[in-house]
Amino acid sequence: MIRLGIVGTGRIANRFASDAWQSTNAKITAVFNPHTEHAEAFGKQHNVSAATGNWNVFLEQIDAAYIASPTCFHAQYIKMLIDGGKHILCEKPMVLNKHEAVHLFQAANKKNIILIEAIKTAYCPGFTALLHWIINNDRIGEIRDVEACFTKLENPNGRELNNRADGGSMIELGTYGCYAAIKILGCDYQSIRFSVQRNQKGIDIFTKLFLEYGENNKTGLVKSGLGVKSEGEMIISGTKGYIVVKAPWWLTTHFEVRYEDTAKCEVYDYPFIGNGLQYELQYFLDRIQGKQTTDFVTEQESIVLAEIMEQFLKEEANYRKSRW
């Protein structure tokens, strides 16, 4: 039985704890929050015995940890867990800087620590089946474009639309679409640009990200929004046909393969249980126990995702500098 700890006590941590019961080879044994009262409230709600604001006490109770803290603290906690010899599943985006991502993976590899970015879409049955179909079939021809949209209307007074450090639609939701794009088209994009709509505080409420590849002019479009609502589907375009992943594509349960002949259509349906976090947890546990070797989110992909976030934040910093 793997002793699992949770760092952070916010919404995603609560969802994770609710889904973790579905794993048969792990038990949540500890939760950490520097504000002890928050840790204790979480522990009481989810029946976690060691609920603490003391890092050393937390480490003593666990073999591995899930990081669900605000993004700006991810790197700090990853380093501390590596130093403590604990395996790590870190919520997306893992970090916001390419150099930092490279350094953390190097440190983890040196100590044989498993470090995985928790992008729940990557591990759910429908999305893995979609990738399997793409790899093993050429019926839509050569894939030339991927468009992925994830938007929701967030509370204007909430953290996501008021915190410049780790708020905004790109940081909050952009990882999903970016992951899908680079997973299907590759990590070796040649150019990237952003089109951003912001609120009065300068925080992005809707961002379009454009990726261009040199090979056959492949392109990717990622749309993320917290203050603008759009259809949450993904379209994968090929030279012989296309794939529509119905909304919400990031919780993939249904996709259709379509062709020029509208009478031809292949339909695929897959289950999606709970919040979907149990899929990434089970993969993480299997990796720890040596049962799983396939990388659903590779080290290179996590580094590229951090690079994309870094480029976005640099452009946003330049924008704010010019305005304020």
C-alpha atoms as a PDB file:
ATOM      1  CA  MET A   1       0.000   0.000   0.000  1.00  0.00           C
ATOM      2  CA  ILE A   2       1.466   3.339  -1.096  1.00  0.00           C
ATOM      3  CA  ARG A   3       1.115   6.150   1.429  1.00  0.00           C
ATOM      4  CA  LEU A   4      -0.041   9.212  -0.497  1.00  0.00           C
ATOM      5  CA  GLY A   5       0.124  12.821   0.644  1.00  0.00           C
ATOM      6  CA  ILE A   6      -1.619  15.893  -0.736  1.00  0.00           C
ATOM      7  CA  VAL A   7      -0.007  19.337  -0.815  1.00  0.00           C
ATOM      8  CA  GLY A   8      -2.738  21.968  -0.838  1.00  0.00           C
ATOM      9  CA  THR A   9      -6.371  21.943   0.207  1.00  0.00           C
ATOM     10  CA  GLY A  10      -8.229  23.829  -2.532  1.00  0.00           C
ATOM     11  CA  ARG A  11     -10.890  22.728  -5.004  1.00  0.00           C
ATOM     12  CA  ILE A  12      -8.728  20.371  -7.059  1.00  0.00           C
ATOM     13  CA  ALA A  13      -7.325  18.759  -3.913  1.00  0.00           C
ATOM     14  CA  ASN A  14     -10.868  18.030  -2.741  1.00  0.00           C
ATOM     15  CA  ARG A  15     -11.746  16.483  -6.107  1.00  0.00           C
ATOM     16  CA  PHE A  16      -8.598  14.388  -6.019  1.00  0.00           C
ATOM     17  CA  ALA A  17      -9.362  13.102  -2.535  1.00  0.00           C
ATOM     18  CA  SER A  18     -12.889  12.236  -3.657  1.00  0.00           C
ATOM     19  CA  ASP A  19     -11.558  10.186  -6.587  1.00  0.00           C
ATOM     20  CA  ALA A  20      -8.624   8.548  -4.779  1.00  0.00           C
ATOM     21  CA  TRP A  21     -10.823   5.942  -3.075  1.00  0.00           C
ATOM     22  CA  GLN A  22     -11.068   4.195  -6.439  1.00  0.00           C
ATOM     23  CA  SER A  23      -7.422   3.174  -6.198  1.00  0.00           C
ATOM     24  CA  THR A  24      -6.855  -0.159  -4.474  1.00  0.00           C
ATOM     25  CA  ASN A  25      -3.151   0.228  -3.808  1.00  0.00           C
ATOM     26  CA  ALA A  26      -2.905   3.665  -2.187  1.00  0.00           C
ATOM     27  CA  LYS A  27      -4.202   5.446   0.864  1.00  0.00           C
ATOM     28  CA  ILE A  28      -4.181   9.184   1.566  1.00  0.00           C
ATOM     29  CA  THR A  29      -2.250   9.331   4.809  1.00  0.00           C
ATOM     30  CA  ALA A  30      -1.380  13.031   5.089  1.00  0.00           C
ATOM     31  CA  VAL A  31      -2.293  16.491   3.885  1.00  0.00           C
ATOM     32  CA  PHE A  32      -0.146  19.614   4.108  1.00  0.00           C
ATOM     33  CA  ASN A  33      -1.056  23.269   4.125  1.00  0.00           C
ATOM     34  CA  PRO A  34       1.175  25.925   5.732  1.00  0.00           C
ATOM     35  CA  HIS A  35      -2.039  27.219   7.286  1.00  0.00           C
ATOM     36  CA  THR A  36      -2.622  24.369   9.714  1.00  0.00           C
ATOM     37  CA  GLU A  37      -6.297  25.125  10.208  1.00  0.00           C
ATOM     38  CA  HIS A  38      -6.959  24.542   6.504  1.00  0.00           C
ATOM     39  CA  ALA A  39      -5.093  21.228   6.621  1.00  0.00           C
ATOM     40  CA  GLU A  40      -7.084  20.128   9.674  1.00  0.00           C
ATOM     41  CA  ALA A  41     -10.417  21.024   8.050  1.00  0.00           C
ATOM     42  CA  PHE A  42      -9.446  19.063   4.942  1.00  0.00           C
ATOM     43  CA  GLY A  43      -8.305  16.114   7.024  1.00  0.00           C
ATOM     44  CA  LYS A  44     -11.583  16.030   8.912  1.00  0.00           C
ATOM     45  CA  GLN A  45     -13.622  16.197   5.704  1.00  0.00           C
ATOM     46  CA  HIS A  46     -11.698  13.408   3.964  1.00  0.00           C
ATOM     47  CA  ASN A  47     -10.733  11.302   6.984  1.00  0.00           C
ATOM     48  CA  VAL A  48      -6.992  11.961   6.650  1.00  0.00           C
ATOM     49  CA  SER A  49      -5.290  11.331   9.982  1.00  0.00           C
ATOM     50  CA  ALA A  50      -2.136  13.427   9.506  1.00  0.00           C
ATOM     51  CA  ALA A  51      -3.330  16.946   8.651  1.00  0.00           C
ATOM     52  CA  THR A  52      -0.521  19.362   9.314  1.00  0.00           C
ATOM     53  CA  GLY A  53       1.288  22.600   8.590  1.00  0.00           C
ATOM     54  CA  ASN A  54       4.610  20.998   9.566  1.00  0.00           C
ATOM     55  CA  TRP A  55       6.537  19.855   6.508  1.00  0.00           C
ATOM     56  CA  ASN A  56       8.710  17.306   8.308  1.00  0.00           C
ATOM     57  CA  VAL A  57       5.682  15.673   9.925  1.00  0.00           C
ATOM     58  CA  PHE A  58       4.060  15.506   6.505  1.00  0.00           C
ATOM     59  CA  LEU A  59       7.102  13.830   4.907  1.00  0.00           C
ATOM     60  CA  GLU A  60       7.245  11.156   7.611  1.00  0.00           C
ATOM     61  CA  GLN A  61       3.749   9.978   6.719  1.00  0.00           C
ATOM     62  CA  ILE A  62       4.085   9.552   2.931  1.00  0.00           C
ATOM     63  CA  ASP A  63       5.825   7.691   0.118  1.00  0.00           C
ATOM     64  CA  ALA A  64       4.546   9.963  -2.661  1.00  0.00           C
ATOM     65  CA  ALA A  65       2.673  13.241  -3.009  1.00  0.00           C
ATOM     66  CA  TYR A  66       0.172  15.001  -5.211  1.00  0.00           C
ATOM     67  CA  ILE A  67       0.818  18.760  -5.462  1.00  0.00           C
ATOM     68  CA  ALA A  68      -2.380  20.804  -5.661  1.00  0.00           C
ATOM     69  CA  SER A  69      -1.070  24.121  -4.384  1.00  0.00           C
ATOM     70  CA  PRO A  70      -1.265  27.389  -6.372  1.00  0.00           C
ATOM     71  CA  THR A  71       0.980  27.188  -9.424  1.00  0.00           C
ATOM     72  CA  CYS A  72       3.494  29.740  -8.148  1.00  0.00           C
ATOM     73  CA  PHE A  73       4.468  27.315  -5.335  1.00  0.00           C
ATOM     74  CA  HIS A  74       4.811  24.174  -7.457  1.00  0.00           C
ATOM     75  CA  ALA A  75       8.566  24.395  -8.041  1.00  0.00           C
ATOM     76  CA  GLN A  76       9.266  24.978  -4.362  1.00  0.00           C
ATOM     77  CA  TYR A  77       7.283  21.927  -3.291  1.00  0.00           C
ATOM     78  CA  ILE A  78       8.716  19.732  -6.059  1.00  0.00           C
ATOM     79  CA  LYS A  79      12.245  20.552  -4.880  1.00  0.00           C
ATOM     80  CA  MET A  80      11.355  19.820  -1.263  1.00  0.00           C
ATOM     81  CA  LEU A  81       9.761  16.492  -2.165  1.00  0.00           C
ATOM     82  CA  ILE A  82      12.753  15.483  -4.302  1.00  0.00           C
ATOM     83  CA  ASP A  83      15.032  16.315  -1.371  1.00  0.00           C
ATOM     84  CA  GLY A  84      12.780  14.168   0.815  1.00  0.00           C
ATOM     85  CA  GLY A  85      12.962  11.233  -1.597  1.00  0.00           C
ATOM     86  CA  LYS A  86       9.256  11.240  -2.465  1.00  0.00           C
ATOM     87  CA  HIS A  87       7.659  10.561  -5.841  1.00  0.00           C
ATOM     88  CA  ILE A  88       5.638  13.466  -7.264  1.00  0.00           C
ATOM     89  CA  LEU A  89       2.448  13.954  -9.229  1.00  0.00           C
ATOM     90  CA  CYS A  90       2.134  17.703  -9.788  1.00  0.00           C
ATOM     91  CA  GLU A  91      -0.989  19.486 -10.983  1.00  0.00           C
ATOM     92  CA  LYS A  92      -0.774  21.379 -14.262  1.00  0.00           C
ATOM     93  CA  PRO A  93       0.858  23.643 -15.208  1.00  0.00           C
ATOM     94  CA  MET A  94       3.780  22.039 -13.435  1.00  0.00           C
ATOM     95  CA  VAL A  95       5.984  25.131 -13.687  1.00  0.00           C
ATOM     96  CA  LEU A  96       6.024  28.313 -15.764  1.00  0.00           C
ATOM     97  CA  ASN A  97       9.663  28.358 -16.850  1.00  0.00           C
ATOM     98  CA  LYS A  98      11.536  26.025 -19.215  1.00  0.00           C
ATOM     99  CA  HIS A  99      14.863  26.188 -17.368  1.00  0.00           C
ATOM    100  CA  GLU A 100      13.136  25.381 -14.098  1.00  0.00           C
ATOM    101  CA  ALA A 101      11.354  22.393 -15.647  1.00  0.00           C
ATOM    102  CA  VAL A 102      14.633  21.035 -17.034  1.00  0.00           C
ATOM    103  CA  HIS A 103      16.352  21.489 -13.665  1.00  0.00           C
ATOM    104  CA  LEU A 104      13.564  19.736 -11.739  1.00  0.00           C
ATOM    105  CA  PHE A 105      13.504  16.736 -14.062  1.00  0.00           C
ATOM    106  CA  GLN A 106      17.289  16.456 -13.856  1.00  0.00           C
ATOM    107  CA  ALA A 107      17.147  16.537 -10.058  1.00  0.00           C
ATOM    108  CA  ALA A 108      14.354  13.957  -9.961  1.00  0.00           C
ATOM    109  CA  ASN A 109      16.109  11.617 -12.410  1.00  0.00           C
ATOM    110  CA  LYS A 110      19.348  11.833 -10.451  1.00  0.00           C
ATOM    111  CA  LYS A 111      17.566  10.480  -7.352  1.00  0.00           C
ATOM    112  CA  ASN A 112      15.320   8.028  -9.269  1.00  0.00           C
ATOM    113  CA  ILE A 113      12.270  10.060  -8.290  1.00  0.00           C
ATOM    114  CA  ILE A 114       9.193   9.808 -10.507  1.00  0.00           C
ATOM    115  CA  LEU A 115       7.995  13.285 -11.462  1.00  0.00           C
ATOM    116  CA  ILE A 116       4.820  13.506 -13.544  1.00  0.00           C
ATOM    117  CA  GLU A 117       2.650  16.413 -14.632  1.00  0.00           C
ATOM    118  CA  ALA A 118      -1.010  15.810 -13.783  1.00  0.00           C
ATOM    119  CA  ILE A 119      -2.929  16.715 -16.943  1.00  0.00           C
ATOM    120  CA  LYS A 120      -6.027  14.612 -16.330  1.00  0.00           C
ATOM    121  CA  THR A 121      -7.046  14.558 -20.011  1.00  0.00           C
ATOM    122  CA  ALA A 122      -3.872  12.671 -20.912  1.00  0.00           C
ATOM    123  CA  TYR A 123      -4.814   9.669 -18.800  1.00  0.00           C
ATOM    124  CA  CYS A 124      -8.560   9.289 -19.396  1.00  0.00           C
ATOM    125  CA  PRO A 125      -9.725   6.290 -21.492  1.00  0.00           C
ATOM    126  CA  GLY A 126     -11.328   8.340 -24.266  1.00  0.00           C
ATOM    127  CA  PHE A 127      -8.281  10.505 -24.957  1.00  0.00           C
ATOM    128  CA  THR A 128      -5.843   7.594 -24.852  1.00  0.00           C
ATOM    129  CA  ALA A 129      -8.147   5.724 -27.263  1.00  0.00           C
ATOM    130  CA  LEU A 130      -8.171   8.776 -29.553  1.00  0.00           C
ATOM    131  CA  LEU A 131      -4.360   8.852 -29.647  1.00  0.00           C
ATOM    132  CA  HIS A 132      -4.286   5.100 -30.246  1.00  0.00           C
ATOM    133  CA  TRP A 133      -6.656   5.542 -33.205  1.00  0.00           C
ATOM    134  CA  ILE A 134      -4.496   8.303 -34.677  1.00  0.00           C
ATOM    135  CA  ILE A 135      -1.296   6.268 -34.319  1.00  0.00           C
ATOM    136  CA  ASN A 136      -2.768   3.079 -35.784  1.00  0.00           C
ATOM    137  CA  ASN A 137      -4.955   4.485 -38.570  1.00  0.00           C
ATOM    138  CA  ASP A 138      -4.303   6.644 -41.624  1.00  0.00           C
ATOM    139  CA  ARG A 139      -7.916   6.975 -42.753  1.00  0.00           C
ATOM    140  CA  ILE A 140      -7.952  10.770 -42.276  1.00  0.00           C
ATOM    141  CA  GLY A 141      -4.618  11.056 -44.060  1.00  0.00           C
ATOM    142  CA  GLU A 142      -1.859  13.319 -42.838  1.00  0.00           C
ATOM    143  CA  ILE A 143      -2.850  15.485 -39.895  1.00  0.00           C
ATOM    144  CA  ARG A 144      -2.290  19.147 -40.751  1.00  0.00           C
ATOM    145  CA  ASP A 145      -4.155  21.072 -38.037  1.00  0.00           C
ATOM    146  CA  VAL A 146      -5.408  20.731 -34.457  1.00  0.00           C
ATOM    147  CA  GLU A 147      -7.889  23.159 -32.891  1.00  0.00           C
ATOM    148  CA  ALA A 148      -8.785  22.818 -29.209  1.00  0.00           C
ATOM    149  CA  CYS A 149     -11.017  25.114 -27.163  1.00  0.00           C
ATOM    150  CA  PHE A 150     -11.565  25.142 -23.387  1.00  0.00           C
ATOM    151  CA  THR A 151     -13.537  28.008 -21.873  1.00  0.00           C
ATOM    152  CA  LYS A 152     -15.669  28.597 -18.806  1.00  0.00           C
ATOM    153  CA  LEU A 153     -17.161  31.670 -17.158  1.00  0.00           C
ATOM    154  CA  GLU A 154     -15.297  32.265 -13.906  1.00  0.00           C
ATOM    155  CA  ASN A 155     -16.346  34.487 -11.006  1.00  0.00           C
ATOM    156  CA  PRO A 156     -14.902  37.967 -11.762  1.00  0.00           C
ATOM    157  CA  ASN A 157     -14.029  38.300  -8.072  1.00  0.00           C
ATOM    158  CA  GLY A 158     -12.258  34.949  -7.870  1.00  0.00           C
ATOM    159  CA  ARG A 159      -8.521  34.293  -7.686  1.00  0.00           C
ATOM    160  CA  GLU A 160      -8.289  33.279 -11.343  1.00  0.00           C
ATOM    161  CA  LEU A 161      -9.248  36.737 -12.603  1.00  0.00           C
ATOM    162  CA  ASN A 162      -7.469  38.804  -9.970  1.00  0.00           C
ATOM    163  CA  ASN A 163      -4.055  37.222  -9.421  1.00  0.00           C
ATOM    164  CA  ARG A 164      -1.399  38.224 -11.944  1.00  0.00           C
ATOM    165  CA  ALA A 165       1.094  35.679 -10.595  1.00  0.00           C
ATOM    166  CA  ASP A 166      -0.859  32.567 -11.601  1.00  0.00           C
ATOM    167  CA  GLY A 167      -4.291  33.729 -12.739  1.00  0.00           C
ATOM    168  CA  GLY A 168      -5.831  34.194 -16.146  1.00  0.00           C
ATOM    169  CA  SER A 169      -7.198  31.823 -18.745  1.00  0.00           C
ATOM    170  CA  MET A 170      -3.894  30.738 -20.262  1.00  0.00           C
ATOM    171  CA  ILE A 171      -2.350  29.562 -17.010  1.00  0.00           C
ATOM    172  CA  GLU A 172      -5.613  28.160 -15.679  1.00  0.00           C
ATOM    173  CA  LEU A 173      -6.773  26.274 -18.792  1.00  0.00           C
ATOM    174  CA  GLY A 174      -4.178  26.617 -21.558  1.00  0.00           C
ATOM    175  CA  THR A 175      -2.212  23.494 -20.629  1.00  0.00           C
ATOM    176  CA  TYR A 176      -5.021  21.244 -21.835  1.00  0.00           C
ATOM    177  CA  GLY A 177      -5.161  22.544 -25.391  1.00  0.00           C
ATOM    178  CA  CYS A 178      -1.401  23.002 -25.653  1.00  0.00           C
ATOM    179  CA  TYR A 179      -0.849  19.424 -24.533  1.00  0.00           C
ATOM    180  CA  ALA A 180      -3.283  18.093 -27.137  1.00  0.00           C
ATOM    181  CA  ALA A 181      -1.642  20.152 -29.884  1.00  0.00           C
ATOM    182  CA  ILE A 182       1.934  19.096 -29.168  1.00  0.00           C
ATOM    183  CA  LYS A 183       0.927  15.506 -28.460  1.00  0.00           C
ATOM    184  CA  ILE A 184      -0.631  15.196 -31.901  1.00  0.00           C
ATOM    185  CA  LEU A 185       1.518  17.588 -33.958  1.00  0.00           C
ATOM    186  CA  GLY A 186       4.807  17.294 -32.063  1.00  0.00           C
ATOM    187  CA  CYS A 187       6.949  19.415 -29.763  1.00  0.00           C
ATOM    188  CA  ASP A 188       9.061  20.928 -32.538  1.00  0.00           C
ATOM    189  CA  TYR A 189       6.898  23.908 -33.476  1.00  0.00           C
ATOM    190  CA  GLN A 190       8.753  26.714 -35.249  1.00  0.00           C
ATOM    191  CA  SER A 191       6.774  29.764 -34.188  1.00  0.00           C
ATOM    192  CA  ILE A 192       4.229  30.761 -31.586  1.00  0.00           C
ATOM    193  CA  ARG A 193       2.070  33.832 -31.128  1.00  0.00           C
ATOM    194  CA  PHE A 194      -0.725  34.921 -28.846  1.00  0.00           C
ATOM    195  CA  SER A 195      -3.858  37.018 -29.223  1.00  0.00           C
ATOM    196  CA  VAL A 196      -5.069  38.143 -25.805  1.00  0.00           C
ATOM    197  CA  GLN A 197      -8.204  39.798 -24.448  1.00  0.00           C
ATOM    198  CA  ARG A 198      -7.833  41.164 -20.911  1.00  0.00           C
ATOM    199  CA  ASN A 199      -9.975  42.535 -18.098  1.00  0.00           C
ATOM    200  CA  GLN A 200      -9.442  45.952 -16.497  1.00  0.00           C
ATOM    201  CA  LYS A 201      -6.746  44.493 -14.256  1.00  0.00           C
ATOM    202  CA  GLY A 202      -4.739  43.325 -17.257  1.00  0.00           C
ATOM    203  CA  ILE A 203      -5.441  39.625 -16.678  1.00  0.00           C
ATOM    204  CA  ASP A 204      -6.303  37.558 -19.740  1.00  0.00           C
ATOM    205  CA  ILE A 205      -9.929  36.466 -19.986  1.00  0.00           C
ATOM    206  CA  PHE A 206      -9.581  34.933 -23.459  1.00  0.00           C
ATOM    207  CA  THR A 207      -6.399  33.883 -25.218  1.00  0.00           C
ATOM    208  CA  LYS A 208      -5.773  32.383 -28.640  1.00  0.00           C
ATOM    209  CA  LEU A 209      -2.450  30.632 -29.136  1.00  0.00           C
ATOM    210  CA  PHE A 210      -1.203  29.911 -32.655  1.00  0.00           C
ATOM    211  CA  LEU A 211       1.447  27.273 -33.347  1.00  0.00           C
ATOM    212  CA  GLU A 212       3.129  26.898 -36.726  1.00  0.00           C
ATOM    213  CA  TYR A 213       5.295  23.987 -37.834  1.00  0.00           C
ATOM    214  CA  GLY A 214       7.691  23.996 -40.742  1.00  0.00           C
ATOM    215  CA  GLU A 215       6.801  20.490 -41.918  1.00  0.00           C
ATOM    216  CA  ASN A 216       3.945  20.763 -44.424  1.00  0.00           C
ATOM    217  CA  ASN A 217       2.849  24.018 -42.754  1.00  0.00           C
ATOM    218  CA  LYS A 218       1.072  22.188 -39.918  1.00  0.00           C
ATOM    219  CA  THR A 219      -0.755  24.470 -37.505  1.00  0.00           C
ATOM    220  CA  GLY A 220      -2.320  24.426 -34.077  1.00  0.00           C
ATOM    221  CA  LEU A 221      -4.882  26.721 -32.487  1.00  0.00           C
ATOM    222  CA  VAL A 222      -5.569  26.697 -28.746  1.00  0.00           C
ATOM    223  CA  LYS A 223      -8.353  28.824 -27.265  1.00  0.00           C
ATOM    224  CA  SER A 224      -8.645  29.344 -23.494  1.00  0.00           C
ATOM    225  CA  GLY A 225     -11.166  31.535 -21.738  1.00  0.00           C
ATOM    226  CA  LEU A 226     -12.369  32.467 -18.269  1.00  0.00           C
ATOM    227  CA  GLY A 227     -14.485  35.440 -19.303  1.00  0.00           C
ATOM    228  CA  VAL A 228     -15.517  34.463 -22.824  1.00  0.00           C
ATOM    229  CA  LYS A 229     -17.546  31.332 -23.575  1.00  0.00           C
ATOM    230  CA  SER A 230     -17.195  29.205 -26.706  1.00  0.00           C
ATOM    231  CA  GLU A 231     -17.825  25.646 -27.927  1.00  0.00           C
ATOM    232  CA  GLY A 232     -15.488  23.270 -26.086  1.00  0.00           C
ATOM    233  CA  GLU A 233     -14.632  20.861 -28.866  1.00  0.00           C
ATOM    234  CA  MET A 234     -11.442  19.724 -30.571  1.00  0.00           C
ATOM    235  CA  ILE A 235     -11.094  19.277 -34.326  1.00  0.00           C
ATOM    236  CA  ILE A 236      -8.223  17.302 -35.837  1.00  0.00           C
ATOM    237  CA  SER A 237      -7.956  17.994 -39.576  1.00  0.00           C
ATOM    238  CA  GLY A 238      -6.340  15.634 -42.062  1.00  0.00           C
ATOM    239  CA  THR A 239      -5.856  15.400 -45.815  1.00  0.00           C
ATOM    240  CA  LYS A 240      -8.546  12.676 -46.150  1.00  0.00           C
ATOM    241  CA  GLY A 241     -10.916  13.431 -43.296  1.00  0.00           C
ATOM    242  CA  TYR A 242     -11.172  14.868 -39.816  1.00  0.00           C
ATOM    243  CA  ILE A 243     -11.973  13.997 -36.204  1.00  0.00           C
ATOM    244  CA  VAL A 244     -14.424  15.876 -34.016  1.00  0.00           C
ATOM    245  CA  VAL A 245     -14.031  15.406 -30.265  1.00  0.00           C
ATOM    246  CA  LYS A 246     -17.281  16.596 -28.774  1.00  0.00           C
ATOM    247  CA  ALA A 247     -17.449  19.066 -25.885  1.00  0.00           C
ATOM    248  CA  PRO A 248     -16.070  18.843 -23.332  1.00  0.00           C
ATOM    249  CA  TRP A 249     -13.171  17.393 -25.322  1.00  0.00           C
ATOM    250  CA  TRP A 250     -10.821  17.505 -22.298  1.00  0.00           C
ATOM    251  CA  LEU A 251     -13.103  14.951 -20.597  1.00  0.00           C
ATOM    252  CA  THR A 252     -13.108  12.807 -23.723  1.00  0.00           C
ATOM    253  CA  THR A 253     -16.097  10.464 -23.862  1.00  0.00           C
ATOM    254  CA  HIS A 254     -17.062  10.693 -27.541  1.00  0.00           C
ATOM    255  CA  PHE A 255     -15.320  11.352 -30.833  1.00  0.00           C
ATOM    256  CA  GLU A 256     -16.355  10.994 -34.463  1.00  0.00           C
ATOM    257  CA  VAL A 257     -14.244  10.346 -37.536  1.00  0.00           C
ATOM    258  CA  ARG A 258     -15.762  12.102 -40.554  1.00  0.00           C
ATOM    259  CA  TYR A 259     -15.026  12.138 -44.267  1.00  0.00           C
ATOM    260  CA  GLU A 260     -15.905  14.023 -47.439  1.00  0.00           C
ATOM    261  CA  ASP A 261     -18.651  11.443 -47.968  1.00  0.00           C
ATOM    262  CA  THR A 262     -21.048  12.482 -45.210  1.00  0.00           C
ATOM    263  CA  ALA A 263     -22.615   9.021 -45.235  1.00  0.00           C
ATOM    264  CA  LYS A 264     -19.392   7.688 -43.753  1.00  0.00           C
ATOM    265  CA  CYS A 265     -18.867   8.344 -40.067  1.00  0.00           C
ATOM    266  CA  GLU A 266     -17.156   6.348 -37.330  1.00  0.00           C
ATOM    267  CA  VAL A 267     -18.403   6.918 -33.793  1.00  0.00           C
ATOM    268  CA  TYR A 268     -16.496   6.018 -30.622  1.00  0.00           C
ATOM    269  CA  ASP A 269     -17.729   6.264 -27.025  1.00  0.00           C
ATOM    270  CA  TYR A 270     -15.794   5.780 -23.803  1.00  0.00           C
ATOM    271  CA  PRO A 271     -16.633   6.040 -20.086  1.00  0.00           C
ATOM    272  CA  PHE A 272     -15.454   8.852 -17.861  1.00  0.00           C
ATOM    273  CA  ILE A 273     -15.914   8.172 -14.157  1.00  0.00           C
ATOM    274  CA  GLY A 274     -16.049  10.806 -11.406  1.00  0.00           C
ATOM    275  CA  ASN A 275     -13.760  13.812 -11.819  1.00  0.00           C
ATOM    276  CA  GLY A 276     -11.339  11.726 -13.884  1.00  0.00           C
ATOM    277  CA  LEU A 277      -8.444  12.255 -11.489  1.00  0.00           C
ATOM    278  CA  GLN A 278      -8.346   8.566 -10.571  1.00  0.00           C
ATOM    279  CA  TYR A 279      -6.913   7.794 -14.018  1.00  0.00           C
ATOM    280  CA  GLU A 280      -3.816   9.927 -13.511  1.00  0.00           C
ATOM    281  CA  LEU A 281      -3.483   8.648  -9.945  1.00  0.00           C
ATOM    282  CA  GLN A 282      -3.563   5.004 -11.029  1.00  0.00           C
ATOM    283  CA  TYR A 283      -0.977   5.695 -13.717  1.00  0.00           C
ATOM    284  CA  PHE A 284       1.228   7.416 -11.131  1.00  0.00           C
ATOM    285  CA  LEU A 285       0.948   4.473  -8.735  1.00  0.00           C
ATOM    286  CA  ASP A 286       1.672   2.000 -11.529  1.00  0.00           C
ATOM    287  CA  ARG A 287       4.812   3.947 -12.423  1.00  0.00           C
ATOM    288  CA  ILE A 288       5.980   3.851  -8.812  1.00  0.00           C
ATOM    289  CA  GLN A 289       5.478   0.085  -8.718  1.00  0.00           C
ATOM    290  CA  GLY A 290       7.130  -0.466 -12.107  1.00  0.00           C
ATOM    291  CA  LYS A 291       3.916  -1.679 -13.751  1.00  0.00           C
ATOM    292  CA  GLN A 292       3.727   1.117 -16.320  1.00  0.00           C
ATOM    293  CA  THR A 293       6.452   2.340 -18.659  1.00  0.00           C
ATOM    294  CA  THR A 294       4.469   4.342 -21.221  1.00  0.00           C
ATOM    295  CA  ASP A 295       4.798   8.096 -20.748  1.00  0.00           C
ATOM    296  CA  PHE A 296       1.373   9.659 -21.248  1.00  0.00           C
ATOM    297  CA  VAL A 297       2.916  13.075 -20.565  1.00  0.00           C
ATOM    298  CA  THR A 298       6.590  12.870 -21.423  1.00  0.00           C
ATOM    299  CA  GLU A 299       9.385  14.847 -19.821  1.00  0.00           C
ATOM    300  CA  GLN A 300       9.924  16.662 -23.126  1.00  0.00           C
ATOM    301  CA  GLU A 301       6.244  17.568 -23.363  1.00  0.00           C
ATOM    302  CA  SER A 302       6.211  19.014 -19.842  1.00  0.00           C
ATOM    303  CA  ILE A 303       9.318  21.060 -20.653  1.00  0.00           C
ATOM    304  CA  VAL A 304       7.724  22.396 -23.855  1.00  0.00           C
ATOM    305  CA  LEU A 305       4.523  23.252 -21.962  1.00  0.00           C
ATOM    306  CA  ALA A 306       6.607  25.203 -19.439  1.00  0.00           C
ATOM    307  CA  GLU A 307       8.361  26.959 -22.328  1.00  0.00           C
ATOM    308  CA  ILE A 308       5.010  27.992 -23.842  1.00  0.00           C
ATOM    309  CA  MET A 309       3.846  29.389 -20.502  1.00  0.00           C
ATOM    310  CA  GLU A 310       7.129  31.241 -20.096  1.00  0.00           C
ATOM    311  CA  GLN A 311       6.781  32.883 -23.506  1.00  0.00           C
ATOM    312  CA  PHE A 312       3.205  33.871 -22.745  1.00  0.00           C
ATOM    313  CA  LEU A 313       4.153  35.407 -19.393  1.00  0.00           C
ATOM    314  CA  LYS A 314       7.030  37.357 -20.973  1.00  0.00           C
ATOM    315  CA  GLU A 315       4.649  38.903 -23.493  1.00  0.00           C
ATOM    316  CA  GLU A 316       2.163  39.718 -20.748  1.00  0.00           C
ATOM    317  CA  ALA A 317       4.909  41.325 -18.648  1.00  0.00           C
ATOM    318  CA  ASN A 318       5.941  43.478 -21.607  1.00  0.00           C
ATOM    319  CA  TYR A 319       2.322  44.471 -22.179  1.00  0.00           C
ATOM    320  CA  ARG A 320       1.832  45.503 -18.560  1.00  0.00           C
ATOM    321  CA  LYS A 321       5.112  47.385 -18.555  1.00  0.00           C
ATOM    322  CA  SER A 322       4.016  49.395 -21.551  1.00  0.00           C
ATOM    323  CA  ARG A 323       0.586  50.138 -20.030  1.00  0.00           C
ATOM    324  CA  TRP A 324       1.385  50.752 -16.392  1.00  0.00           C
END
